[in-house]
């Protein structure tokens, strides 16, 4: 007596792969990847000077070592990021000055925190 050789049955994976790619394309189109899209940001114009700003100016400065400073009425002092909320509550306009060597992520995190704490216009500038 001879035994019959059984063939291994393997399912056709082509339809499954097609469905996976269709789902992938669907979720890529429907998903929203814009994390910081609603920040009211005013970029500096060429020739913009700080002399034109009002007497009550408020500026948040980040240096290359990620230390935070506040410049309010020409007085500069270092703060921790946790102290930011109590300092920006009554400010009309907030100027953010960042070192050019900082990563984009660091600046956007600060802008996001300021946006959450106050719904004011933020002016962004950079220094070397």
N, C-alpha and C. Protein backbone atom coordinates (compact mmCIF):
# COMPACT_ATOMS: atom_id res chain seq x y z
N UNK A 1 0.80 -1.17 0.00
CA UNK A 1 0.00 0.00 0.00
C UNK A 1 0.85 1.25 0.00
N UNK A 2 0.47 2.08 -0.89
CA UNK A 2 1.18 3.35 -0.99
C UNK A 2 0.37 4.45 -0.36
N UNK A 3 1.10 5.26 0.29
CA UNK A 3 0.43 6.43 0.86
C UNK A 3 0.37 7.53 -0.17
N UNK A 4 -0.71 8.25 -0.14
CA UNK A 4 -0.84 9.38 -1.05
C UNK A 4 -0.09 10.57 -0.47
N UNK A 5 0.62 11.24 -1.33
CA UNK A 5 1.31 12.44 -0.90
C UNK A 5 0.31 13.58 -0.83
N UNK A 6 0.32 14.21 0.28
CA UNK A 6 -0.58 15.36 0.43
C UNK A 6 0.15 16.63 0.05
N UNK A 7 -0.53 17.43 -0.67
CA UNK A 7 0.02 18.74 -1.02
C UNK A 7 -0.30 19.71 0.10
N UNK A 8 0.66 20.55 0.38
CA UNK A 8 0.43 21.60 1.37
C UNK A 8 -0.46 22.66 0.73
N UNK A 9 -1.51 22.95 1.40
CA UNK A 9 -2.42 23.96 0.88
C UNK A 9 -2.00 25.31 1.45
N UNK A 10 -1.76 26.26 0.58
CA UNK A 10 -1.40 27.61 1.04
C UNK A 10 -2.40 28.61 0.46
N UNK A 11 -2.91 29.45 1.30
CA UNK A 11 -3.90 30.41 0.80
C UNK A 11 -3.22 31.49 -0.06
N UNK A 12 -3.99 32.05 -0.94
CA UNK A 12 -3.50 33.12 -1.79
C UNK A 12 -3.53 34.43 -0.99
N UNK A 13 -2.36 35.03 -0.78
CA UNK A 13 -2.25 36.23 0.05
C UNK A 13 -2.42 37.54 -0.72
N UNK A 14 -2.55 37.46 -2.01
CA UNK A 14 -2.66 38.68 -2.82
C UNK A 14 -3.86 39.54 -2.42
N UNK A 15 -5.07 38.99 -2.27
CA UNK A 15 -6.19 39.84 -1.85
C UNK A 15 -5.98 40.46 -0.46
N UNK A 16 -5.36 39.71 0.43
CA UNK A 16 -5.10 40.24 1.77
C UNK A 16 -4.13 41.42 1.71
N UNK A 17 -3.10 41.29 0.91
CA UNK A 17 -2.12 42.38 0.76
C UNK A 17 -2.78 43.60 0.13
N UNK A 18 -3.66 43.39 -0.85
CA UNK A 18 -4.38 44.51 -1.46
C UNK A 18 -5.23 45.26 -0.43
N UNK A 19 -5.91 44.53 0.40
CA UNK A 19 -6.75 45.16 1.43
C UNK A 19 -5.90 45.93 2.43
N UNK A 20 -4.77 45.38 2.82
CA UNK A 20 -3.88 46.05 3.77
C UNK A 20 -3.38 47.36 3.17
N UNK A 21 -2.98 47.38 1.92
CA UNK A 21 -2.52 48.61 1.29
C UNK A 21 -3.64 49.62 1.14
N UNK A 22 -4.84 49.16 0.83
CA UNK A 22 -5.97 50.08 0.75
C UNK A 22 -6.27 50.72 2.11
N UNK A 23 -6.21 49.93 3.18
CA UNK A 23 -6.41 50.48 4.53
C UNK A 23 -5.30 51.46 4.89
N UNK A 24 -4.08 51.14 4.53
CA UNK A 24 -2.95 52.03 4.80
C UNK A 24 -3.13 53.38 4.11
N UNK A 25 -3.50 53.35 2.84
CA UNK A 25 -3.74 54.59 2.10
C UNK A 25 -4.90 55.36 2.69
N UNK A 26 -5.96 54.68 3.07
CA UNK A 26 -7.12 55.33 3.67
C UNK A 26 -6.74 56.07 4.96
N UNK A 27 -6.01 55.39 5.85
CA UNK A 27 -5.64 56.02 7.12
C UNK A 27 -4.62 57.14 6.93
N UNK A 28 -3.77 57.05 5.94
CA UNK A 28 -2.83 58.14 5.66
C UNK A 28 -3.57 59.39 5.19
N UNK A 29 -4.61 59.20 4.41
CA UNK A 29 -5.38 60.35 3.90
C UNK A 29 -6.24 60.95 4.99
N UNK A 30 -6.84 60.15 5.82
CA UNK A 30 -7.78 60.62 6.84
C UNK A 30 -7.07 61.20 8.06
N UNK A 31 -5.87 60.73 8.37
CA UNK A 31 -5.17 61.17 9.59
C UNK A 31 -4.73 62.62 9.49
N UNK A 32 -4.64 63.26 10.66
CA UNK A 32 -4.18 64.63 10.73
C UNK A 32 -2.83 64.64 11.43
N UNK A 33 -1.79 65.05 10.73
CA UNK A 33 -0.45 65.06 11.29
C UNK A 33 -0.01 66.45 11.74
N UNK A 34 -0.85 67.44 11.59
CA UNK A 34 -0.50 68.82 11.93
C UNK A 34 -0.63 69.03 13.43
N UNK A 35 0.49 69.06 14.11
CA UNK A 35 0.50 69.13 15.57
C UNK A 35 0.39 70.56 16.08
N UNK A 36 0.99 71.51 15.37
CA UNK A 36 1.05 72.89 15.85
C UNK A 36 0.39 73.84 14.85
N UNK A 37 -0.68 73.44 14.23
CA UNK A 37 -1.27 74.25 13.17
C UNK A 37 -2.06 75.45 13.64
N UNK A 38 -2.47 75.50 14.88
CA UNK A 38 -3.36 76.56 15.33
C UNK A 38 -2.66 77.64 16.14
N UNK A 39 -1.36 77.72 16.09
CA UNK A 39 -0.63 78.73 16.85
C UNK A 39 -0.66 80.04 16.08
N UNK A 40 -1.12 81.11 16.74
CA UNK A 40 -1.11 82.43 16.11
C UNK A 40 0.31 82.97 16.19
N UNK A 41 1.01 82.99 15.07
CA UNK A 41 2.42 83.32 15.05
C UNK A 41 2.66 84.45 14.07
N UNK A 42 3.38 85.46 14.52
CA UNK A 42 3.74 86.58 13.66
C UNK A 42 5.24 86.54 13.48
N UNK A 43 5.69 86.32 12.25
CA UNK A 43 7.12 86.25 11.97
C UNK A 43 7.67 87.66 11.78
N UNK A 44 8.93 87.88 12.16
CA UNK A 44 9.50 89.22 12.02
C UNK A 44 9.71 89.58 10.55
N UNK A 45 9.57 90.86 10.26
CA UNK A 45 9.81 91.37 8.91
C UNK A 45 11.19 91.99 8.87
N UNK A 46 11.77 92.08 7.68
CA UNK A 46 13.08 92.71 7.59
C UNK A 46 12.93 94.19 7.95
N UNK A 47 13.88 94.68 8.68
CA UNK A 47 13.83 96.08 9.11
C UNK A 47 13.02 96.29 10.36
N UNK A 48 12.47 95.22 10.95
CA UNK A 48 11.69 95.34 12.17
C UNK A 48 12.63 95.63 13.33
N UNK A 49 12.37 96.69 14.05
CA UNK A 49 13.23 97.02 15.18
C UNK A 49 12.43 96.95 16.46
N UNK A 50 13.12 96.72 17.56
CA UNK A 50 12.44 96.62 18.84
C UNK A 50 12.07 97.99 19.38
N UNK A 51 12.57 99.08 18.74
CA UNK A 51 12.23 100.42 19.19
C UNK A 51 10.76 100.73 18.94
N UNK A 52 10.18 100.10 17.92
CA UNK A 52 8.78 100.36 17.59
C UNK A 52 7.81 99.71 18.56
N UNK A 53 8.31 98.83 19.40
CA UNK A 53 7.45 98.14 20.35
C UNK A 53 7.05 99.09 21.46
N UNK A 54 5.91 98.80 22.04
CA UNK A 54 5.41 99.64 23.11
C UNK A 54 6.26 99.54 24.36
N UNK A 55 5.92 100.35 25.33
CA UNK A 55 6.70 100.37 26.56
C UNK A 55 6.53 99.07 27.35
N UNK A 56 5.37 98.48 27.24
CA UNK A 56 5.09 97.25 27.98
C UNK A 56 5.37 96.05 27.09
N UNK A 57 6.66 95.72 26.95
CA UNK A 57 7.03 94.57 26.13
C UNK A 57 7.35 93.39 27.03
N UNK A 58 7.05 92.21 26.53
CA UNK A 58 7.31 90.98 27.27
C UNK A 58 7.95 90.00 26.31
N UNK A 59 9.12 89.50 26.67
CA UNK A 59 9.87 88.64 25.77
C UNK A 59 10.35 87.39 26.52
N UNK A 60 10.19 86.25 25.88
CA UNK A 60 10.71 84.99 26.41
C UNK A 60 11.91 84.64 25.54
N UNK A 61 13.07 84.42 26.18
CA UNK A 61 14.32 84.16 25.47
C UNK A 61 14.80 82.75 25.83
N UNK A 62 15.21 81.99 24.80
CA UNK A 62 15.79 80.67 25.03
C UNK A 62 17.22 80.72 24.49
N UNK A 63 18.20 80.38 25.32
CA UNK A 63 19.56 80.37 24.83
C UNK A 63 19.93 78.98 24.31
N UNK A 64 21.16 78.84 23.84
CA UNK A 64 21.57 77.57 23.22
C UNK A 64 21.63 76.41 24.20
N UNK A 65 21.69 76.71 25.52
CA UNK A 65 21.71 75.68 26.55
C UNK A 65 20.32 75.36 27.07
N UNK A 66 19.29 75.83 26.38
CA UNK A 66 17.87 75.63 26.72
C UNK A 66 17.52 76.22 28.09
N UNK A 67 18.15 77.34 28.41
CA UNK A 67 17.76 78.09 29.61
C UNK A 67 16.77 79.16 29.18
N UNK A 68 15.78 79.40 30.02
CA UNK A 68 14.72 80.33 29.69
C UNK A 68 14.91 81.63 30.48
N UNK A 69 14.72 82.75 29.79
CA UNK A 69 14.83 84.07 30.40
C UNK A 69 13.59 84.86 30.04
N UNK A 70 13.23 85.78 30.90
CA UNK A 70 12.13 86.70 30.63
C UNK A 70 12.68 88.12 30.62
N UNK A 71 12.34 88.85 29.58
CA UNK A 71 12.73 90.26 29.50
C UNK A 71 11.46 91.07 29.55
N UNK A 72 11.28 91.76 30.65
CA UNK A 72 10.08 92.57 30.83
C UNK A 72 10.50 93.97 31.24
N UNK A 73 10.15 94.96 30.39
CA UNK A 73 10.53 96.35 30.63
C UNK A 73 12.03 96.49 30.87
N UNK A 74 12.82 95.91 29.97
CA UNK A 74 14.28 95.97 29.97
C UNK A 74 14.94 95.25 31.15
N UNK A 75 14.21 94.48 31.92
CA UNK A 75 14.78 93.70 33.01
C UNK A 75 14.77 92.24 32.59
N UNK A 76 15.95 91.61 32.62
CA UNK A 76 16.09 90.21 32.20
C UNK A 76 16.35 89.35 33.43
N UNK A 77 15.57 88.27 33.55
CA UNK A 77 15.80 87.34 34.63
C UNK A 77 15.56 85.92 34.14
N UNK A 78 16.27 84.98 34.74
CA UNK A 78 16.14 83.58 34.35
C UNK A 78 14.96 82.96 35.09
N UNK A 79 14.22 82.11 34.37
CA UNK A 79 13.09 81.40 34.98
C UNK A 79 13.15 79.93 34.59
N UNK A 80 12.36 79.16 35.27
CA UNK A 80 12.15 77.76 34.89
C UNK A 80 10.88 77.73 34.02
N UNK A 81 10.78 76.75 33.17
CA UNK A 81 9.64 76.66 32.26
C UNK A 81 8.33 76.54 33.02
N UNK A 82 8.36 75.97 34.22
CA UNK A 82 7.15 75.82 35.02
C UNK A 82 6.62 77.17 35.51
N UNK A 83 7.50 78.18 35.63
CA UNK A 83 7.11 79.51 36.10
C UNK A 83 6.54 80.37 34.99
N UNK A 84 6.50 79.86 33.79
CA UNK A 84 6.08 80.65 32.64
C UNK A 84 4.63 81.10 32.75
N UNK A 85 3.75 80.24 33.24
CA UNK A 85 2.32 80.55 33.30
C UNK A 85 2.04 81.79 34.13
N UNK A 86 2.63 81.89 35.29
CA UNK A 86 2.34 83.04 36.16
C UNK A 86 2.89 84.34 35.59
N UNK A 87 3.85 84.26 34.67
CA UNK A 87 4.46 85.47 34.12
C UNK A 87 3.75 85.98 32.86
N UNK A 88 3.06 85.11 32.12
CA UNK A 88 2.48 85.57 30.85
C UNK A 88 0.98 85.81 30.90
N UNK A 89 0.37 85.67 32.07
CA UNK A 89 -1.09 85.75 32.16
C UNK A 89 -1.64 87.09 31.66
N UNK A 90 -1.09 88.20 32.07
CA UNK A 90 -1.65 89.51 31.74
C UNK A 90 -0.93 90.20 30.60
N UNK A 91 -0.16 89.49 29.81
CA UNK A 91 0.59 90.11 28.72
C UNK A 91 -0.26 90.18 27.46
N UNK A 92 -0.15 91.31 26.76
CA UNK A 92 -0.91 91.49 25.52
C UNK A 92 -0.21 90.84 24.34
N UNK A 93 1.09 91.03 24.28
CA UNK A 93 1.87 90.47 23.17
C UNK A 93 3.09 89.79 23.76
N UNK A 94 3.43 88.63 23.22
CA UNK A 94 4.56 87.86 23.71
C UNK A 94 5.55 87.68 22.56
N UNK A 95 6.80 88.06 22.81
CA UNK A 95 7.86 87.90 21.82
C UNK A 95 8.73 86.74 22.27
N UNK A 96 8.96 85.78 21.38
CA UNK A 96 9.83 84.64 21.67
C UNK A 96 11.10 84.82 20.85
N UNK A 97 12.23 84.86 21.54
CA UNK A 97 13.52 84.96 20.89
C UNK A 97 14.29 83.69 21.19
N UNK A 98 14.77 83.03 20.14
CA UNK A 98 15.44 81.74 20.31
C UNK A 98 16.81 81.78 19.65
N UNK A 99 17.73 81.04 20.22
CA UNK A 99 19.06 80.91 19.64
C UNK A 99 18.96 80.14 18.33
N UNK A 100 19.79 80.51 17.37
CA UNK A 100 19.71 79.86 16.05
C UNK A 100 20.14 78.40 16.07
N UNK A 101 20.85 77.98 17.12
CA UNK A 101 21.33 76.60 17.18
C UNK A 101 20.33 75.65 17.86
N UNK A 102 19.22 76.17 18.34
CA UNK A 102 18.21 75.32 18.96
C UNK A 102 17.49 74.49 17.91
N UNK A 103 16.99 73.35 18.34
CA UNK A 103 16.22 72.53 17.41
C UNK A 103 14.82 73.12 17.23
N UNK A 104 14.23 72.81 16.13
CA UNK A 104 12.87 73.24 15.82
C UNK A 104 11.90 72.74 16.89
N UNK A 105 12.12 71.51 17.34
CA UNK A 105 11.24 70.90 18.33
C UNK A 105 11.21 71.70 19.63
N UNK A 106 12.36 72.19 20.08
CA UNK A 106 12.43 72.95 21.33
C UNK A 106 11.62 74.23 21.23
N UNK A 107 11.76 74.93 20.12
CA UNK A 107 11.03 76.19 19.93
C UNK A 107 9.54 75.92 19.82
N UNK A 108 9.15 74.89 19.09
CA UNK A 108 7.73 74.59 18.93
C UNK A 108 7.09 74.13 20.24
N UNK A 109 7.84 73.44 21.08
CA UNK A 109 7.31 73.06 22.39
C UNK A 109 7.01 74.30 23.22
N UNK A 110 7.92 75.27 23.21
CA UNK A 110 7.69 76.52 23.94
C UNK A 110 6.50 77.27 23.37
N UNK A 111 6.41 77.37 22.05
CA UNK A 111 5.27 78.05 21.42
C UNK A 111 3.96 77.35 21.77
N UNK A 112 3.97 76.03 21.81
CA UNK A 112 2.77 75.27 22.18
C UNK A 112 2.35 75.54 23.62
N UNK A 113 3.33 75.61 24.53
CA UNK A 113 3.02 75.90 25.93
C UNK A 113 2.46 77.30 26.08
N UNK A 114 3.05 78.25 25.39
CA UNK A 114 2.55 79.63 25.47
C UNK A 114 1.14 79.70 24.90
N UNK A 115 0.90 79.00 23.81
CA UNK A 115 -0.43 79.00 23.20
C UNK A 115 -1.48 78.42 24.13
N UNK A 116 -1.12 77.38 24.87
CA UNK A 116 -2.07 76.78 25.82
C UNK A 116 -2.35 77.72 26.98
N UNK A 117 -1.33 78.44 27.43
CA UNK A 117 -1.48 79.30 28.59
C UNK A 117 -2.19 80.62 28.27
N UNK A 118 -1.97 81.14 27.08
CA UNK A 118 -2.62 82.40 26.70
C UNK A 118 -2.98 82.34 25.23
N UNK A 119 -4.05 82.98 24.88
CA UNK A 119 -4.51 82.98 23.50
C UNK A 119 -4.07 84.25 22.79
N UNK A 120 -2.85 84.69 23.04
CA UNK A 120 -2.33 85.94 22.50
C UNK A 120 -1.50 85.68 21.24
N UNK A 121 -1.20 86.77 20.52
CA UNK A 121 -0.33 86.68 19.36
C UNK A 121 1.11 86.55 19.81
N UNK A 122 1.84 85.65 19.18
CA UNK A 122 3.23 85.40 19.51
C UNK A 122 4.09 85.89 18.37
N UNK A 123 5.11 86.71 18.67
CA UNK A 123 6.06 87.15 17.66
C UNK A 123 7.34 86.35 17.85
N UNK A 124 7.84 85.78 16.77
CA UNK A 124 9.02 84.92 16.84
C UNK A 124 10.21 85.66 16.25
N UNK A 125 11.33 85.66 16.95
CA UNK A 125 12.57 86.23 16.42
C UNK A 125 13.71 85.31 16.78
N UNK A 126 14.87 85.52 16.19
CA UNK A 126 16.03 84.66 16.44
C UNK A 126 17.26 85.51 16.65
N UNK A 127 18.20 84.99 17.41
CA UNK A 127 19.49 85.66 17.56
C UNK A 127 20.61 84.66 17.36
N UNK A 128 21.79 85.16 17.14
CA UNK A 128 22.92 84.28 16.86
C UNK A 128 23.73 84.01 18.09
